[in-house]
PDB file of N, CA and C in Angstrom:
ATOM      1  N   MET A   1       7.315 -10.980 -10.516  1.00  0.00           N
ATOM      2  CA  MET A   1       6.501 -10.042  -9.786  1.00  0.00           C
ATOM      3  C   MET A   1       5.831  -9.053 -10.741  1.00  0.00           C
ATOM      4  N   ALA A   2       6.558  -8.541 -11.702  1.00  0.00           N
ATOM      5  CA  ALA A   2       5.974  -7.585 -12.638  1.00  0.00           C
ATOM      6  C   ALA A   2       5.140  -8.306 -13.689  1.00  0.00           C
ATOM      7  N   ILE A   3       4.036  -7.706 -14.069  1.00  0.00           N
ATOM      8  CA  ILE A   3       3.198  -8.276 -15.113  1.00  0.00           C
ATOM      9  C   ILE A   3       3.804  -7.951 -16.469  1.00  0.00           C
ATOM     10  N   LYS A   4       4.210  -6.689 -16.662  1.00  0.00           N
ATOM     11  CA  LYS A   4       4.860  -6.254 -17.889  1.00  0.00           C
ATOM     12  C   LYS A   4       6.241  -5.738 -17.538  1.00  0.00           C
ATOM     13  N   SER A   5       7.200  -6.052 -18.381  1.00  0.00           N
ATOM     14  CA  SER A   5       8.561  -5.613 -18.120  1.00  0.00           C
ATOM     15  C   SER A   5       9.267  -5.318 -19.426  1.00  0.00           C
ATOM     16  N   LYS A   6      10.192  -4.359 -19.379  1.00  0.00           N
ATOM     17  CA  LYS A   6      10.994  -4.078 -20.563  1.00  0.00           C
ATOM     18  C   LYS A   6      12.153  -5.057 -20.680  1.00  0.00           C
ATOM     19  N   TYR A   7      12.311  -5.910 -19.683  1.00  0.00           N
ATOM     20  CA  TYR A   7      13.401  -6.890 -19.681  1.00  0.00           C
ATOM     21  C   TYR A   7      12.881  -8.247 -20.119  1.00  0.00           C
ATOM     22  N   GLN A   8      13.744  -9.011 -20.758  1.00  0.00           N
ATOM     23  CA  GLN A   8      13.363 -10.337 -21.219  1.00  0.00           C
ATOM     24  C   GLN A   8      13.309 -11.302 -20.039  1.00  0.00           C
ATOM     25  N   ASP A   9      12.447 -12.296 -20.160  1.00  0.00           N
ATOM     26  CA  ASP A   9      12.287 -13.284 -19.094  1.00  0.00           C
ATOM     27  C   ASP A   9      13.606 -13.967 -18.745  1.00  0.00           C
ATOM     28  N   ASP A  10      14.440 -14.244 -19.766  1.00  0.00           N
ATOM     29  CA  ASP A  10      15.694 -14.948 -19.488  1.00  0.00           C
ATOM     30  C   ASP A  10      16.654 -14.078 -18.678  1.00  0.00           C
ATOM     31  N   GLN A  11      16.618 -12.753 -18.863  1.00  0.00           N
ATOM     32  CA  GLN A  11      17.446 -11.862 -18.042  1.00  0.00           C
ATOM     33  C   GLN A  11      16.994 -11.928 -16.585  1.00  0.00           C
ATOM     34  N   LEU A  12      15.698 -11.836 -16.386  1.00  0.00           N
ATOM     35  CA  LEU A  12      15.127 -11.890 -15.042  1.00  0.00           C
ATOM     36  C   LEU A  12      15.408 -13.237 -14.388  1.00  0.00           C
ATOM     37  N   ASP A  13      15.160 -14.309 -15.114  1.00  0.00           N
ATOM     38  CA  ASP A  13      15.370 -15.653 -14.569  1.00  0.00           C
ATOM     39  C   ASP A  13      16.822 -15.891 -14.181  1.00  0.00           C
ATOM     40  N   LYS A  14      17.754 -15.417 -15.007  1.00  0.00           N
ATOM     41  CA  LYS A  14      19.183 -15.608 -14.718  1.00  0.00           C
ATOM     42  C   LYS A  14      19.565 -14.921 -13.409  1.00  0.00           C
ATOM     43  N   LEU A  15      19.176 -13.657 -13.257  1.00  0.00           N
ATOM     44  CA  LEU A  15      19.500 -12.934 -12.022  1.00  0.00           C
ATOM     45  C   LEU A  15      18.807 -13.544 -10.806  1.00  0.00           C
ATOM     46  N   LEU A  16      17.543 -13.905 -10.975  1.00  0.00           N
ATOM     47  CA  LEU A  16      16.803 -14.509  -9.878  1.00  0.00           C
ATOM     48  C   LEU A  16      17.453 -15.814  -9.434  1.00  0.00           C
ATOM     49  N   ASN A  17      17.841 -16.645 -10.391  1.00  0.00           N
ATOM     50  CA  ASN A  17      18.489 -17.914 -10.053  1.00  0.00           C
ATOM     51  C   ASN A  17      19.825 -17.698  -9.351  1.00  0.00           C
ATOM     52  N   GLU A  18      20.582 -16.682  -9.769  1.00  0.00           N
ATOM     53  CA  GLU A  18      21.855 -16.388  -9.111  1.00  0.00           C
ATOM     54  C   GLU A  18      21.636 -15.941  -7.662  1.00  0.00           C
ATOM     55  N   LEU A  19      20.640 -15.098  -7.440  1.00  0.00           N
ATOM     56  CA  LEU A  19      20.349 -14.643  -6.070  1.00  0.00           C
ATOM     57  C   LEU A  19      19.866 -15.801  -5.195  1.00  0.00           C
ATOM     58  N   ILE A  20      18.998 -16.628  -5.745  1.00  0.00           N
ATOM     59  CA  ILE A  20      18.505 -17.791  -4.997  1.00  0.00           C
ATOM     60  C   ILE A  20      19.654 -18.731  -4.655  1.00  0.00           C
ATOM     61  N   THR A  21      20.565 -18.943  -5.604  1.00  0.00           N
ATOM     62  CA  THR A  21      21.716 -19.819  -5.376  1.00  0.00           C
ATOM     63  C   THR A  21      22.556 -19.317  -4.204  1.00  0.00           C
ATOM     64  N   VAL A  22      22.803 -18.010  -4.147  1.00  0.00           N
ATOM     65  CA  VAL A  22      23.593 -17.435  -3.048  1.00  0.00           C
ATOM     66  C   VAL A  22      22.884 -17.658  -1.719  1.00  0.00           C
ATOM     67  N   LEU A  23      21.589 -17.395  -1.669  1.00  0.00           N
ATOM     68  CA  LEU A  23      20.845 -17.579  -0.421  1.00  0.00           C
ATOM     69  C   LEU A  23      20.825 -19.056  -0.005  1.00  0.00           C
ATOM     70  N   GLU A  24      20.613 -19.953  -0.957  1.00  0.00           N
ATOM     71  CA  GLU A  24      20.597 -21.385  -0.639  1.00  0.00           C
ATOM     72  C   GLU A  24      21.971 -21.889  -0.225  1.00  0.00           C
ATOM     73  N   LYS A  25      23.009 -21.428  -0.915  1.00  0.00           N
ATOM     74  CA  LYS A  25      24.380 -21.840  -0.601  1.00  0.00           C
ATOM     75  C   LYS A  25      24.729 -21.507   0.850  1.00  0.00           C
ATOM     76  N   ASN A  26      24.238 -20.375   1.310  1.00  0.00           N
ATOM     77  CA  ASN A  26      24.513 -19.936   2.678  1.00  0.00           C
ATOM     78  C   ASN A  26      23.465 -20.415   3.687  1.00  0.00           C
ATOM     79  N   LYS A  27      22.533 -21.251   3.202  1.00  0.00           N
ATOM     80  CA  LYS A  27      21.461 -21.774   4.056  1.00  0.00           C
ATOM     81  C   LYS A  27      20.792 -20.641   4.848  1.00  0.00           C
ATOM     82  N   THR A  28      20.480 -19.586   4.121  1.00  0.00           N
ATOM     83  CA  THR A  28      19.932 -18.384   4.725  1.00  0.00           C
ATOM     84  C   THR A  28      18.478 -18.601   5.131  1.00  0.00           C
ATOM     85  N   PRO A  29      18.149 -18.359   6.411  1.00  0.00           N
ATOM     86  CA  PRO A  29      16.750 -18.494   6.836  1.00  0.00           C
ATOM     87  C   PRO A  29      15.860 -17.436   6.171  1.00  0.00           C
ATOM     88  N   VAL A  30      14.577 -17.697   6.141  1.00  0.00           N
ATOM     89  CA  VAL A  30      13.624 -16.814   5.473  1.00  0.00           C
ATOM     90  C   VAL A  30      13.710 -15.387   6.006  1.00  0.00           C
ATOM     91  N   ASP A  31      13.738 -15.224   7.324  1.00  0.00           N
ATOM     92  CA  ASP A  31      13.742 -13.861   7.875  1.00  0.00           C
ATOM     93  C   ASP A  31      15.001 -13.095   7.479  1.00  0.00           C
ATOM     94  N   LEU A  32      16.149 -13.744   7.483  1.00  0.00           N
ATOM     95  CA  LEU A  32      17.388 -13.087   7.080  1.00  0.00           C
ATOM     96  C   LEU A  32      17.381 -12.797   5.576  1.00  0.00           C
ATOM     97  N   SER A  33      16.853 -13.723   4.784  1.00  0.00           N
ATOM     98  CA  SER A  33      16.738 -13.498   3.340  1.00  0.00           C
ATOM     99  C   SER A  33      15.913 -12.250   3.058  1.00  0.00           C
ATOM    100  N   LEU A  34      14.791 -12.120   3.743  1.00  0.00           N
ATOM    101  CA  LEU A  34      13.930 -10.956   3.543  1.00  0.00           C
ATOM    102  C   LEU A  34      14.608  -9.670   4.002  1.00  0.00           C
ATOM    103  N   MET A  35      15.361  -9.729   5.096  1.00  0.00           N
ATOM    104  CA  MET A  35      16.099  -8.556   5.565  1.00  0.00           C
ATOM    105  C   MET A  35      17.134  -8.124   4.527  1.00  0.00           C
ATOM    106  N   VAL A  36      17.878  -9.089   4.001  1.00  0.00           N
ATOM    107  CA  VAL A  36      18.914  -8.796   3.004  1.00  0.00           C
ATOM    108  C   VAL A  36      18.290  -8.219   1.741  1.00  0.00           C
ATOM    109  N   LEU A  37      17.225  -8.837   1.265  1.00  0.00           N
ATOM    110  CA  LEU A  37      16.579  -8.347   0.049  1.00  0.00           C
ATOM    111  C   LEU A  37      15.956  -6.967   0.266  1.00  0.00           C
ATOM    112  N   GLY A  38      15.385  -6.740   1.438  1.00  0.00           N
ATOM    113  CA  GLY A  38      14.844  -5.421   1.757  1.00  0.00           C
ATOM    114  C   GLY A  38      15.929  -4.357   1.787  1.00  0.00           C
ATOM    115  N   ASN A  39      17.064  -4.701   2.395  1.00  0.00           N
ATOM    116  CA  ASN A  39      18.192  -3.764   2.420  1.00  0.00           C
ATOM    117  C   ASN A  39      18.712  -3.495   1.016  1.00  0.00           C
ATOM    118  N   MET A  40      18.701  -4.525   0.175  1.00  0.00           N
ATOM    119  CA  MET A  40      19.149  -4.357  -1.204  1.00  0.00           C
ATOM    120  C   MET A  40      18.233  -3.382  -1.939  1.00  0.00           C
ATOM    121  N   VAL A  41      16.934  -3.527  -1.779  1.00  0.00           N
ATOM    122  CA  VAL A  41      15.976  -2.624  -2.416  1.00  0.00           C
ATOM    123  C   VAL A  41      16.190  -1.199  -1.921  1.00  0.00           C
ATOM    124  N   SER A  42      16.345  -1.035  -0.615  1.00  0.00           N
ATOM    125  CA  SER A  42      16.585   0.290  -0.037  1.00  0.00           C
ATOM    126  C   SER A  42      17.855   0.911  -0.604  1.00  0.00           C
ATOM    127  N   ASN A  43      18.918   0.129  -0.652  1.00  0.00           N
ATOM    128  CA  ASN A  43      20.188   0.631  -1.180  1.00  0.00           C
ATOM    129  C   ASN A  43      20.079   1.016  -2.650  1.00  0.00           C
ATOM    130  N   ILE A  44      19.383   0.217  -3.427  1.00  0.00           N
ATOM    131  CA  ILE A  44      19.206   0.534  -4.847  1.00  0.00           C
ATOM    132  C   ILE A  44      18.483   1.867  -4.997  1.00  0.00           C
ATOM    133  N   LEU A  45      17.418   2.049  -4.239  1.00  0.00           N
ATOM    134  CA  LEU A  45      16.663   3.303  -4.330  1.00  0.00           C
ATOM    135  C   LEU A  45      17.481   4.490  -3.829  1.00  0.00           C
ATOM    136  N   LEU A  46      18.119   4.335  -2.687  1.00  0.00           N
ATOM    137  CA  LEU A  46      18.876   5.449  -2.108  1.00  0.00           C
ATOM    138  C   LEU A  46      20.083   5.848  -2.951  1.00  0.00           C
ATOM    139  N   ASN A  47      20.713   4.881  -3.585  1.00  0.00           N
ATOM    140  CA  ASN A  47      21.929   5.160  -4.343  1.00  0.00           C
ATOM    141  C   ASN A  47      21.688   5.500  -5.812  1.00  0.00           C
ATOM    142  N   ASN A  48      20.463   5.300  -6.288  1.00  0.00           N
ATOM    143  CA  ASN A  48      20.208   5.510  -7.713  1.00  0.00           C
ATOM    144  C   ASN A  48      19.091   6.488  -8.034  1.00  0.00           C
ATOM    145  N   VAL A  49      18.331   6.884  -7.033  1.00  0.00           N
ATOM    146  CA  VAL A  49      17.222   7.815  -7.257  1.00  0.00           C
ATOM    147  C   VAL A  49      17.414   8.992  -6.317  1.00  0.00           C
ATOM    148  N   SER A  50      17.805  10.130  -6.872  1.00  0.00           N
ATOM    149  CA  SER A  50      18.144  11.276  -6.025  1.00  0.00           C
ATOM    150  C   SER A  50      16.924  12.007  -5.474  1.00  0.00           C
ATOM    151  N   ASP A  51      15.824  12.005  -6.190  1.00  0.00           N
ATOM    152  CA  ASP A  51      14.634  12.718  -5.750  1.00  0.00           C
ATOM    153  C   ASP A  51      13.856  11.890  -4.717  1.00  0.00           C
ATOM    154  N   SER A  52      13.683  12.438  -3.530  1.00  0.00           N
ATOM    155  CA  SER A  52      13.047  11.683  -2.441  1.00  0.00           C
ATOM    156  C   SER A  52      11.588  11.344  -2.741  1.00  0.00           C
ATOM    157  N   GLN A  53      10.876  12.218  -3.433  1.00  0.00           N
ATOM    158  CA  GLN A  53       9.480  11.914  -3.775  1.00  0.00           C
ATOM    159  C   GLN A  53       9.404  10.782  -4.790  1.00  0.00           C
ATOM    160  N   GLN A  54      10.319  10.771  -5.725  1.00  0.00           N
ATOM    161  CA  GLN A  54      10.355   9.683  -6.702  1.00  0.00           C
ATOM    162  C   GLN A  54      10.709   8.368  -6.019  1.00  0.00           C
ATOM    163  N   ARG A  55      11.663   8.415  -5.069  1.00  0.00           N
ATOM    164  CA  ARG A  55      12.018   7.202  -4.311  1.00  0.00           C
ATOM    165  C   ARG A  55      10.793   6.657  -3.590  1.00  0.00           C
ATOM    166  N   GLU A  56      10.047   7.560  -2.971  1.00  0.00           N
ATOM    167  CA  GLU A  56       8.852   7.129  -2.229  1.00  0.00           C
ATOM    168  C   GLU A  56       7.821   6.505  -3.167  1.00  0.00           C
ATOM    169  N   ARG A  57       7.625   7.105  -4.343  1.00  0.00           N
ATOM    170  CA  ARG A  57       6.673   6.539  -5.320  1.00  0.00           C
ATOM    171  C   ARG A  57       7.142   5.167  -5.806  1.00  0.00           C
ATOM    172  N   LEU A  58       8.437   5.048  -6.080  1.00  0.00           N
ATOM    173  CA  LEU A  58       8.965   3.750  -6.517  1.00  0.00           C
ATOM    174  C   LEU A  58       8.819   2.696  -5.422  1.00  0.00           C
ATOM    175  N   ALA A  59       9.089   3.077  -4.193  1.00  0.00           N
ATOM    176  CA  ALA A  59       8.950   2.139  -3.077  1.00  0.00           C
ATOM    177  C   ALA A  59       7.494   1.704  -2.918  1.00  0.00           C
ATOM    178  N   GLU A  60       6.579   2.633  -3.065  1.00  0.00           N
ATOM    179  CA  GLU A  60       5.153   2.302  -2.957  1.00  0.00           C
ATOM    180  C   GLU A  60       4.721   1.381  -4.088  1.00  0.00           C
ATOM    181  N   THR A  61       5.163   1.690  -5.307  1.00  0.00           N
ATOM    182  CA  THR A  61       4.843   0.846  -6.462  1.00  0.00           C
ATOM    183  C   THR A  61       5.420  -0.553  -6.283  1.00  0.00           C
ATOM    184  N   PHE A  62       6.658  -0.617  -5.811  1.00  0.00           N
ATOM    185  CA  PHE A  62       7.312  -1.910  -5.578  1.00  0.00           C
ATOM    186  C   PHE A  62       6.548  -2.714  -4.525  1.00  0.00           C
ATOM    187  N   SER A  63       6.207  -2.071  -3.419  1.00  0.00           N
ATOM    188  CA  SER A  63       5.517  -2.794  -2.345  1.00  0.00           C
ATOM    189  C   SER A  63       4.138  -3.266  -2.796  1.00  0.00           C
ATOM    190  N   GLN A  64       3.450  -2.455  -3.592  1.00  0.00           N
ATOM    191  CA  GLN A  64       2.139  -2.874  -4.096  1.00  0.00           C
ATOM    192  C   GLN A  64       2.277  -4.041  -5.064  1.00  0.00           C
ATOM    193  N   ALA A  65       3.292  -4.005  -5.930  1.00  0.00           N
ATOM    194  CA  ALA A  65       3.526  -5.117  -6.855  1.00  0.00           C
ATOM    195  C   ALA A  65       3.848  -6.395  -6.087  1.00  0.00           C
ATOM    196  N   LEU A  66       4.619  -6.269  -5.011  1.00  0.00           N
ATOM    197  CA  LEU A  66       4.936  -7.435  -4.172  1.00  0.00           C
ATOM    198  C   LEU A  66       3.654  -8.008  -3.567  1.00  0.00           C
ATOM    199  N   LYS A  67       2.843  -7.147  -2.995  1.00  0.00           N
ATOM    200  CA  LYS A  67       1.568  -7.598  -2.398  1.00  0.00           C
ATOM    201  C   LYS A  67       0.698  -8.273  -3.445  1.00  0.00           C
ATOM    202  N   ASN A  68       0.605  -7.649  -4.621  1.00  0.00           N
ATOM    203  CA  ASN A  68      -0.234  -8.226  -5.691  1.00  0.00           C
ATOM    204  C   ASN A  68       0.290  -9.594  -6.141  1.00  0.00           C
ATOM    205  N   SER A  69       1.602  -9.755  -6.162  1.00  0.00           N
ATOM    206  CA  SER A  69       2.161 -11.032  -6.604  1.00  0.00           C
ATOM    207  C   SER A  69       1.840 -12.162  -5.636  1.00  0.00           C
ATOM    208  N   LEU A  70       1.582 -11.818  -4.390  1.00  0.00           N
ATOM    209  CA  LEU A  70       1.280 -12.831  -3.380  1.00  0.00           C
ATOM    210  C   LEU A  70      -0.165 -13.306  -3.442  1.00  0.00           C
ATOM    211  N   ILE A  71      -1.046 -12.484  -4.006  1.00  0.00           N
ATOM    212  CA  ILE A  71      -2.461 -12.871  -4.073  1.00  0.00           C
ATOM    213  C   ILE A  71      -2.848 -13.393  -5.453  1.00  0.00           C
ATOM    214  N   THR A  72      -1.952 -13.242  -6.431  1.00  0.00           N
ATOM    215  CA  THR A  72      -2.226 -13.722  -7.789  1.00  0.00           C
ATOM    216  C   THR A  72      -1.962 -15.220  -7.845  1.00  0.00           C
ATOM    217  N   LYS A  73      -2.888 -15.937  -8.424  1.00  0.00           N
ATOM    218  CA  LYS A  73      -2.702 -17.383  -8.568  1.00  0.00           C
ATOM    219  C   LYS A  73      -1.694 -17.648  -9.657  1.00  0.00           C
ATOM    220  N   HIS A  74      -0.762 -18.573  -9.399  1.00  0.00           N
ATOM    221  CA  HIS A  74       0.272 -18.914 -10.378  1.00  0.00           C
ATOM    222  C   HIS A  74      -0.047 -20.216 -11.035  1.00  0.00           C
TER     223      HIS A  74
END
């Protein structure tokens, strides 16, 4: 999703593959997968970013990056 990242591709790929494996193992439908991932994002922001304005900016940046990733040709 991110164009530039301070993390290496192999770190991202490893975590992504682990999350996908859990969802596939449980035969999780798309709507439930999105609910779980959305809740995970919310929990990460709420539990790790104390400033509400910063949380809102991060959420907006995240949502825009998600939207952009859907329209970018791969």
